[in-house]
Protein backbone atom coordinates (compact mmCIF):
# COMPACT_ATOMS: atom_id res chain seq x y z
CA MET A 1 121.03 99.19 83.82
CA TYR A 2 120.14 100.69 86.97
CA PRO A 3 122.79 101.07 89.43
CA GLU A 4 123.09 98.31 92.16
CA SER A 5 121.68 100.23 95.20
CA LEU A 6 118.69 101.42 92.96
CA LYS A 7 118.23 98.00 91.97
CA ASN A 8 118.05 96.72 95.39
CA LEU A 9 115.49 99.36 96.44
CA ILE A 10 113.24 98.59 93.56
CA GLU A 11 113.46 94.80 94.50
CA SER A 12 112.66 95.76 98.07
CA PHE A 13 109.42 97.68 96.94
CA LYS A 14 108.33 94.49 94.96
CA LEU A 15 108.25 92.77 98.38
CA LEU A 16 105.23 94.77 99.27
CA PRO A 17 101.72 93.49 98.22
CA GLY A 18 100.19 94.51 95.14
CA VAL A 19 103.59 96.29 94.02
CA GLY A 20 105.14 95.26 90.75
CA GLU A 21 107.90 96.13 88.64
CA LYS A 22 106.54 99.70 87.48
CA THR A 23 105.14 100.85 90.72
CA ALA A 24 108.35 99.65 92.38
CA GLU A 25 110.30 101.90 89.96
CA ARG A 26 108.05 104.85 90.35
CA MET A 27 108.48 104.52 94.29
CA ALA A 28 112.26 104.12 94.24
CA PHE A 29 112.70 107.05 91.84
CA PHE A 30 110.28 109.19 94.08
CA LEU A 31 112.56 108.34 97.19
CA ILE A 32 115.87 108.99 95.50
CA ASN A 33 114.51 112.43 94.47
CA GLU A 34 113.26 113.34 97.94
CA ASP A 35 115.48 115.30 100.39
CA LYS A 36 117.45 113.25 102.87
CA GLU A 37 115.52 114.50 105.95
CA LYS A 38 112.51 112.69 104.49
CA THR A 39 114.13 109.53 103.12
CA ASP A 40 115.80 109.12 106.64
CA PHE A 41 112.45 109.80 108.29
CA PHE A 42 111.05 106.88 105.88
CA ALA A 43 113.87 104.51 106.39
CA ASN A 44 113.68 105.03 110.03
CA SER A 45 110.06 104.49 110.46
CA ILE A 46 110.31 101.00 108.81
CA ILE A 47 113.12 100.15 111.25
CA ASN A 48 111.48 101.38 114.44
CA ALA A 49 108.05 99.73 113.38
CA LYS A 50 109.88 96.38 112.81
CA ASP A 51 112.08 96.62 116.11
CA LYS A 52 109.16 98.04 118.37
CA VAL A 53 106.08 96.71 117.33
CA ARG A 54 105.02 93.61 118.90
CA LYS A 55 102.10 91.45 120.10
CA CYS A 56 100.24 92.69 123.02
CA SER A 57 100.71 89.94 126.15
CA VAL A 58 96.86 90.07 126.89
CA CYS A 59 95.00 90.36 123.72
CA ASN A 60 97.31 89.28 121.00
CA GLY A 61 96.87 92.77 119.11
CA ILE A 62 99.93 95.01 117.75
CA THR A 63 101.33 97.58 120.16
CA ASP A 64 104.85 99.07 120.94
CA LYS A 65 104.50 98.27 124.68
CA GLU A 66 104.14 94.93 126.78
CA VAL A 67 100.17 95.50 127.16
CA CYS A 68 98.26 97.85 124.71
CA ASP A 69 96.23 100.87 125.43
CA ILE A 70 93.23 99.13 124.84
CA CYS A 71 93.73 96.38 127.49
CA SER A 72 95.26 98.78 130.02
CA SER A 73 92.44 101.18 129.66
CA ASP A 74 90.11 101.94 132.76
CA SER A 75 87.55 103.28 130.55
CA ARG A 76 86.58 99.91 128.65
CA ASN A 77 84.27 97.59 129.46
CA HIS A 78 86.20 94.32 130.68
CA ASN A 79 82.90 92.18 130.88
CA VAL A 80 82.82 92.06 126.98
CA LEU A 81 85.17 90.60 124.87
CA CYS A 82 85.21 90.71 120.90
CA VAL A 83 86.96 87.98 119.13
CA VAL A 84 88.63 89.10 115.85
CA GLU A 85 90.84 87.33 113.33
CA ASP A 86 93.54 89.91 113.02
CA PRO A 87 94.78 93.17 114.59
CA LYS A 88 93.54 95.18 111.40
CA SER A 89 89.87 94.24 112.58
CA VAL A 90 90.45 96.10 115.94
CA PHE A 91 91.51 99.17 114.22
CA LEU A 92 88.40 98.96 112.09
CA PHE A 93 85.81 98.62 115.03
CA GLU A 94 87.78 101.25 116.95
CA LYS A 95 87.37 103.88 114.00
CA VAL A 96 83.57 103.30 114.05
CA GLY A 97 83.67 104.12 117.86
CA THR A 98 80.61 102.15 118.85
CA TYR A 99 82.25 99.34 120.90
CA GLY A 100 83.73 99.87 124.16
CA GLY A 101 84.85 96.35 125.34
CA ASP A 102 88.05 94.24 125.18
CA TYR A 103 89.24 92.42 122.15
CA HIS A 104 91.12 89.14 121.53
CA ILE A 105 92.83 88.67 118.29
CA LEU A 106 93.23 85.17 116.85
CA ASP A 107 95.98 84.29 114.45
CA GLY A 108 93.77 83.54 111.64
CA LEU A 109 90.96 81.22 111.15
CA ILE A 110 90.44 77.65 111.22
CA SER A 111 90.80 75.90 107.89
CA PRO A 112 91.15 72.22 107.69
CA LEU A 113 91.64 72.11 103.86
CA ASP A 114 94.73 74.60 104.37
CA GLY A 115 95.85 72.56 107.36
CA VAL A 116 95.30 75.08 109.89
CA ASP A 117 93.49 73.61 113.11
CA PRO A 118 92.56 75.57 116.49
CA ASP A 119 96.22 75.01 117.97
CA ASP A 120 97.58 77.28 114.88
CA ILE A 121 95.39 80.13 115.77
CA GLY A 122 95.68 80.48 119.43
CA ILE A 123 92.49 79.25 120.67
CA GLU A 124 93.92 77.85 123.98
CA LYS A 125 95.14 81.70 124.77
CA LEU A 126 91.58 82.69 124.22
CA VAL A 127 89.99 79.90 126.45
CA LYS A 128 92.48 80.74 129.14
CA ARG A 129 91.70 84.50 129.00
CA VAL A 130 87.98 83.86 129.12
CA GLN A 131 88.39 81.49 132.04
CA SER A 132 90.44 83.74 134.06
CA GLY A 133 88.54 86.88 133.15
CA ASN A 134 84.97 88.06 134.09
CA TYR A 135 83.04 88.06 130.97
CA SER A 136 79.56 88.12 130.52
CA GLU A 137 79.39 88.10 126.83
CA ILE A 138 81.85 86.99 123.87
CA ILE A 139 81.32 88.46 120.83
CA ILE A 140 82.62 86.71 117.53
CA ALA A 141 83.46 89.17 114.70
CA VAL A 142 84.90 86.96 111.95
CA LYS A 143 84.36 87.21 108.30
CA PRO A 144 81.35 85.43 107.07
CA SER A 145 83.11 82.33 105.25
CA ILE A 146 83.41 78.73 105.69
CA GLU A 147 86.36 79.28 107.75
CA GLY A 148 84.71 81.85 109.92
CA GLU A 149 81.69 79.90 110.38
CA THR A 150 83.95 76.93 111.54
CA THR A 151 85.87 78.97 113.89
CA ALA A 152 82.75 80.71 115.30
CA LEU A 153 81.20 77.31 115.97
CA TYR A 154 84.28 75.81 117.40
CA ILE A 155 84.75 78.72 119.83
CA LYS A 156 81.04 78.45 120.77
CA LYS A 157 81.49 74.79 121.63
CA ILE A 158 84.53 75.02 123.45
CA LEU A 159 82.86 77.85 125.79
CA GLU A 160 79.89 75.90 126.37
CA GLY A 161 80.57 75.03 129.86
CA LEU A 162 81.27 78.46 131.08
CA LYS A 163 77.88 79.97 131.16
CA ILE A 164 78.79 82.86 129.00
CA LYS A 165 76.81 84.32 126.35
CA VAL A 166 78.29 83.86 122.97
CA THR A 167 77.25 85.94 120.15
CA ARG A 168 78.24 86.76 116.61
CA ILE A 169 78.14 90.10 114.81
CA ALA A 170 75.23 90.09 112.13
CA SER A 171 76.13 89.86 108.49
CA GLY A 172 74.08 90.12 105.33
CA VAL A 173 73.22 92.34 102.61
CA PRO A 174 75.31 95.62 102.46
CA ILE A 175 73.56 98.91 102.21
CA GLY A 176 73.22 100.13 98.58
CA THR A 177 73.80 96.56 97.05
CA ASP A 178 71.45 94.92 94.40
CA ILE A 179 70.05 91.55 95.54
CA GLU A 180 70.91 89.97 92.17
CA TYR A 181 74.83 90.53 92.88
CA ILE A 182 74.75 88.98 96.43
CA ASP A 183 75.94 85.35 96.64
CA SER A 184 73.61 82.80 98.11
CA MET A 185 75.63 82.45 101.47
CA THR A 186 75.37 86.08 102.29
CA LEU A 187 71.72 86.09 101.40
CA GLU A 188 71.14 83.15 103.51
CA ARG A 189 72.89 84.69 106.58
CA ALA A 190 70.63 87.95 105.58
CA LEU A 191 67.52 85.96 106.02
CA THR A 192 68.73 83.99 108.82
CA ASP A 193 69.84 87.07 110.93
CA ARG A 194 66.55 89.15 110.16
CA LYS A 195 65.20 91.57 112.62
CA GLU A 196 61.87 92.91 113.45
CA ILE A 197 61.40 96.53 111.96
CA GLU A 198 60.97 98.74 114.95
């Protein structure tokens, strides 16, 4: 039988996504065998992240300041706004390094079957931002699913009267994938979004 403190540590690790009993035990034993300096750093990192990380007041992304570095940067193109479904998407785009505009992060996607409507994902905040900004293009970069499609169409419809170009990132067949393994929706999107070979 594990001591109470070790049992609590194992149970805490099991709260993490994808971590089961065995992995939680391995992680817990790893930590108790590490030196105190490393475990203090680990524990303080969790506490600091929980205490300091918040939503940016402008884009809804995650930051440890009132306004994130992207929104406050003078080197960004503040005429283009990329709408994504979660903060992780921003970091993926930034890693690629080809997009230099603003972002707006929704709180998920519209999903009527799950009872998630536009009010639940912060569409109103997006609309206010677009109305008060000087955007020439809104890029919708959400996953190609029924929920993503619904959300993209809703945003396009709600921004119609503002005379701003609304685009969607292309989606389709990933490089290196055999056609036989591609679902029909992806294949349909790939055909619809086809481009002339230059």
